[in-house]
Amino acid sequence: MTASQHPKAKKSLGQHFLTDSYVVDTIVEGVLVRSQRASYDSSVYSTSRASNDSSASSSSLSKLSPKNEPTRRLVEIGPGKGILSKPLVALGWPTTLLEIDPRMVEILRKEVIPHAEGPIQLLEHDVLSSDWWLKERQWADHVAPESTLELVGNLPYYITSPILFAILERRTSIERATLMIQKEVADRILAPAGTKTYGILSVQCQLMASVKHLMDVPSTAFDPPPNVESSVIQCTFDKPSLPFDDAILKKIVRTAFQQRRKKLSNALSTLLDVEAREAATQQLGLSFDQRAEQWTPADYASLSEWYQKTMRS
């Protein structure tokens, strides 16, 4: 099947197929290079370098090798027509392609799987379903029981946040995630406290992962072009385990930001009465006269740990 014969993108699935080989190279480099060595400057990207012709790529992949790496396995979320899948399966690592669209599944089966250099499975599944995690783990136990898991993908924009939260919930079983998302969401994830874009995703992602910006991607790198710009980020799940339940952090952060224009003394009043807030202030040095965006991720972590020990005892 030629590219012109491939089915068109489905708006209902939020499909925007990546077509730019330079972006593909950068993502694959991000997967190959260990996080402490990976360094990319988004300013090097320009649309003049963007091309569907592989000759326009940076070609630095030839200098990188997956050899001598600890056993790693990949899950690509939403591979679509397989432009990113092809170099990924050529690495030889056990790879799962997770695709919901049966039309794309057929393309992947015919045009990607035959070129795999290592174990590969193709799952026709919704990324938000919990079933595929179990299927992937069972498969990995068979083909690569000592492997570490890395996620990669061009996430459907309309369900980006639910996917990110699902990944965070399973972070103990994931080493890294290299993801294409809306630039607006990437900016929120990386935002420091005290800024307008700082919010729930900022706090949770920064507490649970080391997050790195790899590059910005223009809408012209996709077919059809989306109405937003995109970014590639990399989340490395190397943070120590949090000394409190995720559910407590989630409850506190979401309650705080639901009324972000109010002082935290009001926003968190349903969780902490006056006496509890005074105790937290005295013991933790937190100010409930501030607004949600003024607290750092560490502040929310301190309150979450205190809340679990004090309010649940």
Protein backbone atom coordinates (compact mmCIF):
# COMPACT_ATOMS: atom_id res chain seq x y z
CA MET A 1 0.00 0.00 0.00
CA THR A 2 1.47 3.36 -1.03
CA ALA A 3 1.26 6.47 1.13
CA SER A 4 -1.38 7.92 -1.18
CA GLN A 5 -3.51 4.82 -0.63
CA HIS A 6 -3.37 5.06 3.16
CA PRO A 7 -6.69 5.93 4.82
CA LYS A 8 -7.29 9.50 5.91
CA ALA A 9 -7.07 10.68 9.51
CA LYS A 10 -10.18 10.29 11.64
CA LYS A 11 -11.20 13.47 13.40
CA SER A 12 -13.13 11.45 15.99
CA LEU A 13 -9.86 9.81 17.08
CA GLY A 14 -7.93 13.08 17.10
CA GLN A 15 -5.52 11.73 14.49
CA HIS A 16 -2.72 13.96 13.20
CA PHE A 17 -0.06 11.82 11.56
CA LEU A 18 3.55 12.86 12.01
CA THR A 19 5.29 13.26 8.63
CA ASP A 20 8.55 15.01 9.50
CA SER A 21 11.66 12.79 9.49
CA TYR A 22 13.73 15.29 11.50
CA VAL A 23 11.22 15.10 14.34
CA VAL A 24 11.25 11.31 14.11
CA ASP A 25 15.05 11.30 14.39
CA THR A 26 14.95 13.54 17.45
CA ILE A 27 12.41 11.33 19.20
CA VAL A 28 14.38 8.17 18.45
CA GLU A 29 17.58 9.85 19.66
CA GLY A 30 15.74 10.72 22.86
CA VAL A 31 14.85 7.07 23.30
CA LEU A 32 18.40 5.89 22.54
CA VAL A 33 20.40 8.36 24.58
CA ARG A 34 20.35 7.88 28.31
CA SER A 35 18.71 10.78 30.12
CA GLN A 36 21.89 12.14 31.71
CA ARG A 37 23.46 12.50 28.26
CA ALA A 38 20.43 13.71 26.34
CA SER A 39 20.48 17.40 25.54
CA TYR A 40 18.46 19.14 22.86
CA ASP A 41 17.90 22.79 22.10
CA SER A 42 14.44 23.46 20.70
CA SER A 43 15.75 26.52 18.87
CA VAL A 44 17.62 24.33 16.39
CA TYR A 45 14.33 23.28 14.85
CA SER A 46 13.20 25.30 11.87
CA THR A 47 10.57 24.55 9.29
CA SER A 48 13.21 24.87 6.59
CA ARG A 49 14.72 21.63 7.86
CA ALA A 50 11.36 19.88 7.96
CA SER A 51 10.85 17.48 5.10
CA ASN A 52 9.19 14.20 4.32
CA ASP A 53 12.42 13.19 2.56
CA SER A 54 14.68 11.21 4.87
CA SER A 55 17.66 13.08 3.39
CA ALA A 56 16.56 16.10 5.40
CA SER A 57 16.98 14.30 8.71
CA SER A 58 19.84 14.99 11.06
CA SER A 59 21.22 11.50 10.34
CA SER A 60 22.80 11.33 13.77
CA LEU A 61 21.00 8.05 14.47
CA SER A 62 23.81 6.23 12.72
CA LYS A 63 26.16 7.37 15.49
CA LEU A 64 23.98 5.92 18.23
CA SER A 65 23.71 2.24 19.03
CA PRO A 66 21.43 0.31 21.35
CA LYS A 67 24.18 -2.24 21.93
CA ASN A 68 25.53 -2.73 25.44
CA GLU A 69 22.36 -1.25 26.92
CA PRO A 70 20.51 -2.99 29.75
CA THR A 71 17.53 -4.90 28.40
CA ARG A 72 14.86 -2.39 27.50
CA ARG A 73 11.47 -2.75 25.92
CA LEU A 74 9.20 -0.22 24.27
CA VAL A 75 5.51 0.53 24.03
CA GLU A 76 4.54 2.96 21.29
CA ILE A 77 1.21 4.65 21.96
CA GLY A 78 -0.81 5.49 18.86
CA PRO A 79 1.69 4.54 16.14
CA GLY A 80 -0.73 5.41 13.34
CA LYS A 81 0.85 4.72 9.94
CA GLY A 82 4.17 3.76 11.50
CA ILE A 83 6.59 6.57 10.63
CA LEU A 84 8.05 6.40 14.14
CA SER A 85 7.46 2.66 14.54
CA LYS A 86 9.84 1.70 11.74
CA PRO A 87 13.05 3.05 13.33
CA LEU A 88 11.89 1.91 16.77
CA VAL A 89 11.36 -1.72 15.78
CA ALA A 90 14.72 -1.64 13.99
CA LEU A 91 16.43 -1.20 17.38
CA GLY A 92 15.78 -4.84 18.18
CA TRP A 93 14.17 -4.24 21.56
CA PRO A 94 10.93 -6.02 22.47
CA THR A 95 8.26 -3.62 21.24
CA THR A 96 4.50 -3.34 21.65
CA LEU A 97 2.54 -1.20 19.19
CA LEU A 98 -0.68 0.01 20.81
CA GLU A 99 -3.22 1.23 18.26
CA ILE A 100 -7.01 1.65 18.51
CA ASP A 101 -7.79 2.23 14.81
CA PRO A 102 -8.24 -1.09 12.94
CA ARG A 103 -7.27 0.62 9.67
CA MET A 104 -3.91 1.58 11.14
CA VAL A 105 -3.51 -1.86 12.69
CA GLU A 106 -3.67 -3.36 9.21
CA ILE A 107 -1.03 -0.93 7.91
CA LEU A 108 1.26 -1.69 10.85
CA ARG A 109 0.79 -5.42 10.36
CA LYS A 110 1.81 -5.21 6.70
CA GLU A 111 4.39 -2.42 6.68
CA VAL A 112 6.07 -2.39 10.11
CA ILE A 113 5.97 -5.81 11.74
CA PRO A 114 7.89 -7.57 8.89
CA HIS A 115 10.84 -5.21 9.54
CA ALA A 116 11.10 -5.78 13.30
CA GLU A 117 14.57 -6.81 14.48
CA GLY A 118 13.29 -8.13 17.81
CA PRO A 119 10.15 -9.48 19.49
CA ILE A 120 7.06 -7.46 18.59
CA GLN A 121 3.38 -7.53 19.39
CA LEU A 122 0.54 -5.46 17.96
CA LEU A 123 -2.36 -4.68 20.29
CA GLU A 124 -5.59 -3.20 18.97
CA HIS A 125 -6.52 -1.43 22.17
CA ASP A 126 -7.65 1.83 23.72
CA VAL A 127 -4.73 3.40 25.57
CA LEU A 128 -7.07 4.41 28.42
CA SER A 129 -8.14 0.81 28.98
CA SER A 130 -6.32 -0.96 31.80
CA ASP A 131 -6.29 -4.30 29.96
CA TRP A 132 -3.34 -3.56 27.72
CA TRP A 133 -1.00 -2.94 30.66
CA LEU A 134 -1.62 -6.50 31.87
CA LYS A 135 -1.25 -7.97 28.38
CA GLU A 136 2.00 -6.10 27.82
CA ARG A 137 3.39 -7.24 31.19
CA GLN A 138 2.46 -10.87 30.57
CA TRP A 139 4.09 -10.74 27.13
CA ALA A 140 7.21 -9.09 28.58
CA ASP A 141 7.50 -11.77 31.26
CA HIS A 142 7.76 -14.27 28.42
CA VAL A 143 10.09 -12.47 25.97
CA ALA A 144 12.15 -10.17 28.26
CA PRO A 145 11.48 -10.80 31.96
CA GLU A 146 14.34 -8.59 33.21
CA SER A 147 13.60 -5.65 30.93
CA THR A 148 12.69 -2.08 31.83
CA LEU A 149 9.75 -0.37 30.14
CA GLU A 150 9.89 2.83 28.10
CA LEU A 151 6.89 4.53 26.53
CA VAL A 152 6.99 6.60 23.37
CA GLY A 153 4.28 8.14 21.27
CA ASN A 154 2.43 10.97 19.60
CA LEU A 155 -0.48 11.26 22.03
CA PRO A 156 -4.01 12.05 20.80
CA TYR A 157 -4.45 15.64 21.89
CA TYR A 158 -8.01 15.32 23.11
CA ILE A 159 -7.06 12.71 25.72
CA THR A 160 -3.54 13.86 26.59
CA SER A 161 -4.20 14.63 30.26
CA PRO A 162 -5.98 11.32 31.03
CA ILE A 163 -3.10 9.43 29.40
CA LEU A 164 -0.52 11.39 31.38
CA PHE A 165 -2.31 10.75 34.67
CA ALA A 166 -2.59 7.03 33.81
CA ILE A 167 1.16 6.94 33.15
CA LEU A 168 1.88 8.67 36.46
CA GLU A 169 -0.25 6.12 38.31
CA ARG A 170 1.89 3.31 36.85
CA ARG A 171 5.23 5.08 37.08
CA THR A 172 6.81 2.41 39.31
CA SER A 173 6.73 0.01 36.36
CA ILE A 174 8.00 2.55 33.78
CA GLU A 175 11.53 3.86 33.36
CA ARG A 176 10.90 6.69 30.90
CA ALA A 177 8.29 8.17 28.59
CA THR A 178 9.16 10.22 25.49
CA LEU A 179 5.95 11.87 24.35
CA MET A 180 4.64 14.29 21.75
CA ILE A 181 1.93 16.48 23.29
CA GLN A 182 0.39 19.91 22.81
CA LYS A 183 2.90 22.67 23.54
CA GLU A 184 0.36 24.21 25.89
CA VAL A 185 0.29 21.04 28.00
CA ALA A 186 4.09 20.73 27.94
CA ASP A 187 4.35 24.32 29.14
CA ARG A 188 1.97 23.52 31.99
CA ILE A 189 3.94 20.46 33.02
CA LEU A 190 7.22 22.38 33.12
CA ALA A 191 5.81 25.59 34.62
CA PRO A 192 7.36 26.83 37.88
CA ALA A 193 5.28 27.86 40.86
CA GLY A 194 3.96 31.39 40.73
CA THR A 195 3.13 31.37 37.02
CA LYS A 196 -0.26 31.35 35.32
CA THR A 197 0.37 28.02 33.60
CA TYR A 198 1.37 26.26 36.84
CA GLY A 199 -1.29 23.82 37.98
CA ILE A 200 -2.28 20.25 38.76
CA LEU A 201 -0.15 18.64 36.04
CA SER A 202 2.84 20.77 37.05
CA VAL A 203 2.72 19.62 40.67
CA GLN A 204 2.10 15.94 40.02
CA CYS A 205 4.55 15.56 37.14
CA GLN A 206 7.35 17.45 38.88
CA LEU A 207 6.95 15.41 42.07
CA MET A 208 6.78 12.08 40.27
CA ALA A 209 9.28 12.47 37.42
CA SER A 210 12.25 14.37 36.09
CA VAL A 211 10.78 16.15 33.07
CA LYS A 212 12.83 17.42 30.15
CA HIS A 213 11.82 19.44 27.10
CA LEU A 214 13.35 18.01 23.93
CA MET A 215 11.91 20.15 21.14
CA ASP A 216 8.97 22.15 19.85
CA VAL A 217 7.22 20.93 16.71
CA PRO A 218 5.23 23.12 14.29
CA SER A 219 1.81 22.10 13.03
CA THR A 220 3.28 21.69 9.53
CA ALA A 221 5.02 18.52 10.71
CA PHE A 222 1.67 16.70 10.71
CA ASP A 223 -0.99 15.59 8.25
CA PRO A 224 -3.51 17.02 8.71
CA PRO A 225 -1.92 19.97 10.54
CA PRO A 226 -3.46 20.48 14.00
CA ASN A 227 -4.57 23.91 15.17
CA VAL A 228 -1.95 23.92 17.92
CA GLU A 229 1.81 23.68 18.21
CA SER A 230 3.35 20.58 19.78
CA SER A 231 6.29 19.69 21.99
CA VAL A 232 8.27 16.56 22.71
CA ILE A 233 9.00 15.97 26.38
CA GLN A 234 10.76 13.18 28.22
CA CYS A 235 9.70 12.02 31.68
CA THR A 236 12.21 9.91 33.60
CA PHE A 237 10.70 8.16 36.58
CA ASP A 238 13.74 8.34 38.83
CA LYS A 239 12.25 10.19 41.79
CA PRO A 240 12.16 8.49 45.22
CA SER A 241 8.85 6.96 46.25
CA LEU A 242 6.53 9.53 47.76
CA PRO A 243 5.95 9.01 51.52
CA PHE A 244 2.19 9.30 51.09
CA ASP A 245 -0.57 7.90 48.93
CA ASP A 246 -0.99 9.34 45.45
CA ALA A 247 -4.69 9.69 46.16
CA ILE A 248 -4.01 12.17 48.97
CA LEU A 249 -1.78 14.35 46.82
CA LYS A 250 -4.33 14.23 44.03
CA LYS A 251 -7.15 15.24 46.37
CA ILE A 252 -5.24 18.14 47.92
CA VAL A 253 -3.86 19.52 44.64
CA ARG A 254 -7.14 19.28 42.77
CA THR A 255 -9.07 20.87 45.62
CA ALA A 256 -6.55 23.71 45.81
CA PHE A 257 -6.60 24.47 42.08
CA GLN A 258 -10.35 24.19 41.66
CA GLN A 259 -10.52 27.63 43.25
CA ARG A 260 -7.11 28.95 42.31
CA ARG A 261 -8.08 32.61 42.72
CA LYS A 262 -8.98 32.08 46.36
CA LYS A 263 -6.58 31.86 49.26
CA LEU A 264 -5.77 28.32 50.29
CA SER A 265 -7.45 28.93 53.63
CA ASN A 266 -10.71 29.01 51.67
CA ALA A 267 -9.85 26.63 48.84
CA LEU A 268 -8.80 23.85 51.22
CA SER A 269 -11.41 24.50 53.90
CA THR A 270 -13.34 21.35 52.97
CA LEU A 271 -10.26 19.26 53.77
CA LEU A 272 -8.72 21.25 56.63
CA ASP A 273 -10.59 23.17 59.30
CA VAL A 274 -9.12 26.19 61.07
CA GLU A 275 -7.46 24.09 63.76
CA ALA A 276 -5.86 21.76 61.20
CA ARG A 277 -4.58 24.66 59.11
CA GLU A 278 -3.05 26.29 62.18
CA ALA A 279 -1.33 23.03 63.10
CA ALA A 280 0.00 22.59 59.55
CA THR A 281 1.24 26.18 59.53
CA GLN A 282 3.05 25.71 62.83
CA GLN A 283 4.57 22.34 61.99
CA LEU A 284 5.34 22.81 58.29
CA GLY A 285 5.78 26.55 57.92
CA LEU A 286 3.16 26.74 55.18
CA SER A 287 1.09 29.86 54.57
CA PHE A 288 -2.57 29.30 53.82
CA ASP A 289 -2.87 33.00 52.99
CA GLN A 290 -1.29 32.21 49.63
CA ARG A 291 -3.04 30.99 46.49
CA ALA A 292 -2.65 27.55 44.93
CA GLU A 293 -0.10 28.60 42.30
CA GLN A 294 2.19 30.09 44.99
CA TRP A 295 2.90 26.76 46.65
CA THR A 296 5.75 24.72 45.21
CA PRO A 297 5.46 20.98 44.51
CA ALA A 298 7.51 20.45 47.69
CA ASP A 299 4.90 22.41 49.67
CA TYR A 300 2.13 20.15 48.39
CA ALA A 301 4.25 17.10 49.18
CA SER A 302 4.81 18.33 52.75
CA LEU A 303 1.11 18.89 53.32
CA SER A 304 0.21 15.54 51.76
CA GLU A 305 2.62 13.67 54.05
CA TRP A 306 1.38 15.60 57.09
CA TYR A 307 -2.25 15.03 56.09
CA GLN A 308 -1.74 11.28 55.79
CA LYS A 309 -0.01 11.03 59.17
CA THR A 310 -2.21 13.47 61.06
CA MET A 311 -5.68 13.54 59.56
CA ARG A 312 -5.85 9.80 58.93
CA SER A 313 -4.55 8.71 62.33
